[in-house]
């Protein structure tokens, strides 16, 4: 009865085949970027909206008029946020797939199934 719980599903077998080939390839940045790019851009848009809202605020307006380099700094920060979130989200997704692959290999080994 213990062997029944250790059996791999068809989905697990497909993932093992896919990831055994995928993990040997070099990690492409653009392939990993597709995972977190939307989140990073969304945060940068939120930052831009906050900056625009601060521009039209009466209290923040003198600050933005006196320090025009603040806008350039915020733009650079937004680009940095996008790259940071994009890279680390992709890296995390890669690590999660690798961990799942290792767990499935161990499960397959314990079940004693051939191949």
Protein backbone atom coordinates (compact mmCIF):
# COMPACT_ATOMS: atom_id res chain seq x y z
CA UNK A 1 0.00 0.00 0.00
CA UNK A 2 2.93 2.36 0.64
CA UNK A 3 3.99 2.09 -3.01
CA UNK A 4 0.66 3.50 -4.14
CA UNK A 5 1.38 6.86 -2.53
CA UNK A 6 4.85 7.01 -4.04
CA UNK A 7 3.75 6.60 -7.66
CA UNK A 8 4.32 9.50 -10.02
CA UNK A 9 1.46 10.93 -12.02
CA UNK A 10 1.62 11.47 -15.76
CA UNK A 11 2.08 15.20 -15.11
CA UNK A 12 5.06 14.46 -12.86
CA UNK A 13 6.62 12.21 -15.49
CA UNK A 14 6.17 14.92 -18.13
CA UNK A 15 7.78 17.49 -15.84
CA UNK A 16 10.73 15.17 -15.19
CA UNK A 17 11.32 14.77 -18.93
CA UNK A 18 10.93 18.48 -19.59
CA UNK A 19 13.11 19.71 -16.74
CA UNK A 20 15.87 17.11 -17.24
CA UNK A 21 16.46 18.64 -20.68
CA UNK A 22 15.77 22.25 -19.66
CA UNK A 23 18.10 22.33 -16.65
CA UNK A 24 21.14 21.44 -18.75
CA UNK A 25 20.71 24.52 -20.93
CA UNK A 26 22.19 27.81 -19.90
CA UNK A 27 19.64 30.00 -18.16
CA UNK A 28 18.50 32.60 -20.67
CA UNK A 29 17.90 36.02 -19.15
CA UNK A 30 15.04 36.84 -21.50
CA UNK A 31 13.36 33.51 -20.79
CA UNK A 32 13.55 34.18 -17.08
CA UNK A 33 12.56 37.82 -17.58
CA UNK A 34 9.11 36.92 -18.84
CA UNK A 35 8.21 35.67 -15.37
CA UNK A 36 8.74 38.86 -13.37
CA UNK A 37 8.69 41.59 -15.96
CA UNK A 38 5.00 42.37 -15.53
CA UNK A 39 5.34 42.75 -11.76
CA UNK A 40 8.36 45.03 -12.09
CA UNK A 41 6.70 47.22 -14.71
CA UNK A 42 3.55 47.42 -12.59
CA UNK A 43 5.58 48.67 -9.62
CA UNK A 44 7.39 51.20 -11.82
CA UNK A 45 4.07 52.47 -13.15
CA UNK A 46 2.86 52.86 -9.56
CA UNK A 47 5.96 54.87 -8.78
CA UNK A 48 5.37 57.07 -11.84
CA UNK A 49 1.74 57.66 -10.85
CA UNK A 50 2.86 58.66 -7.35
CA UNK A 51 5.37 61.09 -8.85
CA UNK A 52 2.77 62.63 -11.15
CA UNK A 53 0.34 62.93 -8.24
CA UNK A 54 3.06 64.62 -6.18
CA UNK A 55 3.77 67.03 -9.03
CA UNK A 56 0.22 68.35 -8.94
CA UNK A 57 0.02 68.47 -5.16
CA UNK A 58 0.35 71.96 -3.73
CA UNK A 59 2.61 70.88 -0.88
CA UNK A 60 5.07 68.83 -2.98
CA UNK A 61 5.19 71.21 -5.93
CA UNK A 62 7.97 73.49 -4.57
CA UNK A 63 10.12 70.44 -3.87
CA UNK A 64 9.84 69.19 -7.43
CA UNK A 65 10.44 72.66 -8.87
CA UNK A 66 13.59 73.19 -6.80
CA UNK A 67 15.03 69.71 -7.33
CA UNK A 68 14.51 68.75 -10.97
CA UNK A 69 17.15 66.04 -10.67
CA UNK A 70 14.69 64.22 -8.42
CA UNK A 71 12.68 63.17 -11.48
CA UNK A 72 15.77 61.68 -13.12
CA UNK A 73 16.62 59.87 -9.90
CA UNK A 74 13.11 58.42 -9.70
CA UNK A 75 13.29 57.26 -13.32
CA UNK A 76 16.62 55.54 -12.68
CA UNK A 77 15.19 53.98 -9.53
CA UNK A 78 12.15 52.71 -11.46
CA UNK A 79 14.37 51.08 -14.07
CA UNK A 80 16.43 49.53 -11.29
CA UNK A 81 13.29 48.19 -9.62
CA UNK A 82 12.12 46.63 -12.88
CA UNK A 83 15.45 44.87 -13.48
CA UNK A 84 15.77 43.75 -9.85
CA UNK A 85 12.29 42.25 -9.66
CA UNK A 86 12.55 40.71 -13.11
CA UNK A 87 15.85 38.98 -12.40
CA UNK A 88 15.07 37.70 -8.94
CA UNK A 89 11.57 36.51 -9.82
CA UNK A 90 13.01 34.54 -12.73
CA UNK A 91 15.76 33.17 -10.51
CA UNK A 92 13.20 32.12 -7.90
CA UNK A 93 11.06 30.38 -10.52
CA UNK A 94 14.11 28.49 -11.80
CA UNK A 95 15.02 27.41 -8.26
CA UNK A 96 11.45 26.29 -7.56
CA UNK A 97 11.45 24.13 -10.71
CA UNK A 98 14.81 22.65 -9.75
CA UNK A 99 13.57 21.85 -6.24
CA UNK A 100 10.43 20.21 -7.62
CA UNK A 101 12.58 18.19 -10.03
CA UNK A 102 14.82 16.97 -7.21
CA UNK A 103 11.79 16.02 -5.08
CA UNK A 104 10.27 14.05 -7.95
CA UNK A 105 13.56 12.24 -8.59
CA UNK A 106 13.75 11.26 -4.93
CA UNK A 107 10.11 10.13 -4.99
CA UNK A 108 10.78 8.09 -8.13
CA UNK A 109 13.87 6.55 -6.56
CA UNK A 110 12.01 5.61 -3.37
CA UNK A 111 9.16 4.04 -5.29
CA UNK A 112 11.67 1.82 -7.05
CA UNK A 113 10.18 2.38 -10.48
CA UNK A 114 12.49 1.68 -13.42
CA UNK A 115 13.85 4.45 -15.68
